[in-house]
C-alpha atoms as a PDB file:
ATOM      1  CA  UNK A   1     -19.444 -14.757 -29.222  1.00  0.00           C
ATOM      2  CA  UNK A   2     -18.798 -13.523 -32.731  1.00  0.00           C
ATOM      3  CA  UNK A   3     -22.375 -14.021 -33.953  1.00  0.00           C
ATOM      4  CA  UNK A   4     -25.777 -15.203 -32.907  1.00  0.00           C
ATOM      5  CA  UNK A   5     -26.613 -18.863 -32.727  1.00  0.00           C
ATOM      6  CA  UNK A   6     -29.237 -19.346 -35.417  1.00  0.00           C
ATOM      7  CA  UNK A   7     -29.320 -22.096 -37.988  1.00  0.00           C
ATOM      8  CA  UNK A   8     -28.617 -20.611 -41.438  1.00  0.00           C
ATOM      9  CA  UNK A   9     -30.799 -21.273 -44.440  1.00  0.00           C
ATOM     10  CA  UNK A  10     -27.744 -21.452 -46.765  1.00  0.00           C
ATOM     11  CA  UNK A  11     -24.376 -23.155 -46.306  1.00  0.00           C
ATOM     12  CA  UNK A  12     -25.693 -26.040 -44.268  1.00  0.00           C
ATOM     13  CA  UNK A  13     -25.322 -29.768 -44.825  1.00  0.00           C
ATOM     14  CA  UNK A  14     -28.053 -31.352 -42.706  1.00  0.00           C
ATOM     15  CA  UNK A  15     -29.815 -29.031 -40.282  1.00  0.00           C
ATOM     16  CA  UNK A  16     -27.316 -26.188 -39.996  1.00  0.00           C
ATOM     17  CA  UNK A  17     -26.275 -26.874 -36.406  1.00  0.00           C
ATOM     18  CA  UNK A  18     -22.541 -27.029 -37.196  1.00  0.00           C
ATOM     19  CA  UNK A  19     -22.769 -23.931 -39.389  1.00  0.00           C
ATOM     20  CA  UNK A  20     -24.521 -22.057 -36.572  1.00  0.00           C
ATOM     21  CA  UNK A  21     -21.918 -23.094 -33.999  1.00  0.00           C
ATOM     22  CA  UNK A  22     -19.058 -22.242 -36.362  1.00  0.00           C
ATOM     23  CA  UNK A  23     -20.458 -18.778 -37.076  1.00  0.00           C
ATOM     24  CA  UNK A  24     -21.320 -18.153 -33.435  1.00  0.00           C
ATOM     25  CA  UNK A  25     -17.892 -19.051 -32.101  1.00  0.00           C
ATOM     26  CA  UNK A  26     -15.837 -17.850 -35.078  1.00  0.00           C
ATOM     27  CA  UNK A  27     -14.570 -21.311 -36.041  1.00  0.00           C
ATOM     28  CA  UNK A  28     -14.300 -22.960 -39.462  1.00  0.00           C
ATOM     29  CA  UNK A  29     -17.292 -25.143 -40.343  1.00  0.00           C
ATOM     30  CA  UNK A  30     -15.075 -28.129 -41.148  1.00  0.00           C
ATOM     31  CA  UNK A  31     -13.592 -28.048 -37.634  1.00  0.00           C
ATOM     32  CA  UNK A  32     -16.995 -28.070 -35.952  1.00  0.00           C
ATOM     33  CA  UNK A  33     -18.188 -30.857 -38.260  1.00  0.00           C
ATOM     34  CA  UNK A  34     -15.049 -32.868 -37.492  1.00  0.00           C
ATOM     35  CA  UNK A  35     -15.721 -32.418 -33.786  1.00  0.00           C
ATOM     36  CA  UNK A  36     -19.244 -33.798 -34.185  1.00  0.00           C
ATOM     37  CA  UNK A  37     -17.897 -36.762 -36.149  1.00  0.00           C
ATOM     38  CA  UNK A  38     -15.381 -37.543 -33.397  1.00  0.00           C
ATOM     39  CA  UNK A  39     -17.990 -37.157 -30.659  1.00  0.00           C
ATOM     40  CA  UNK A  40     -20.366 -39.260 -32.737  1.00  0.00           C
ATOM     41  CA  UNK A  41     -17.871 -42.109 -32.725  1.00  0.00           C
ATOM     42  CA  UNK A  42     -17.898 -42.165 -28.927  1.00  0.00           C
ATOM     43  CA  UNK A  43     -21.684 -41.961 -28.790  1.00  0.00           C
ATOM     44  CA  UNK A  44     -22.570 -38.440 -27.650  1.00  0.00           C
ATOM     45  CA  UNK A  45     -22.378 -36.426 -30.882  1.00  0.00           C
ATOM     46  CA  UNK A  46     -25.695 -37.577 -32.277  1.00  0.00           C
ATOM     47  CA  UNK A  47     -27.609 -36.761 -29.115  1.00  0.00           C
ATOM     48  CA  UNK A  48     -26.026 -33.302 -28.777  1.00  0.00           C
ATOM     49  CA  UNK A  49     -26.679 -32.578 -32.463  1.00  0.00           C
ATOM     50  CA  UNK A  50     -30.359 -33.519 -32.188  1.00  0.00           C
ATOM     51  CA  UNK A  51     -30.800 -31.429 -29.033  1.00  0.00           C
ATOM     52  CA  UNK A  52     -29.173 -28.400 -30.681  1.00  0.00           C
ATOM     53  CA  UNK A  53     -31.284 -28.962 -33.810  1.00  0.00           C
ATOM     54  CA  UNK A  54     -34.389 -28.614 -31.655  1.00  0.00           C
ATOM     55  CA  UNK A  55     -33.134 -25.709 -29.525  1.00  0.00           C
ATOM     56  CA  UNK A  56     -31.451 -23.436 -32.105  1.00  0.00           C
ATOM     57  CA  UNK A  57     -33.896 -21.271 -34.069  1.00  0.00           C
ATOM     58  CA  UNK A  58     -33.729 -20.857 -37.842  1.00  0.00           C
ATOM     59  CA  UNK A  59     -32.298 -17.626 -39.171  1.00  0.00           C
ATOM     60  CA  UNK A  60     -34.726 -15.118 -40.668  1.00  0.00           C
ATOM     61  CA  UNK A  61     -34.790 -15.090 -44.472  1.00  0.00           C
END
């Protein structure tokens, strides 16, 4: 992985889950967000997002 999986305090839209995944895997944020939108349309994106929101820690300051 390119970085650690922590939710950033800046550059996030809702909870920072997509920003954390994008930084951690070295992907553009828009691509990760698009993936969650597509998975949300089939019914699993929301559940995965909420689980990651709970599991991923916030970044320090």
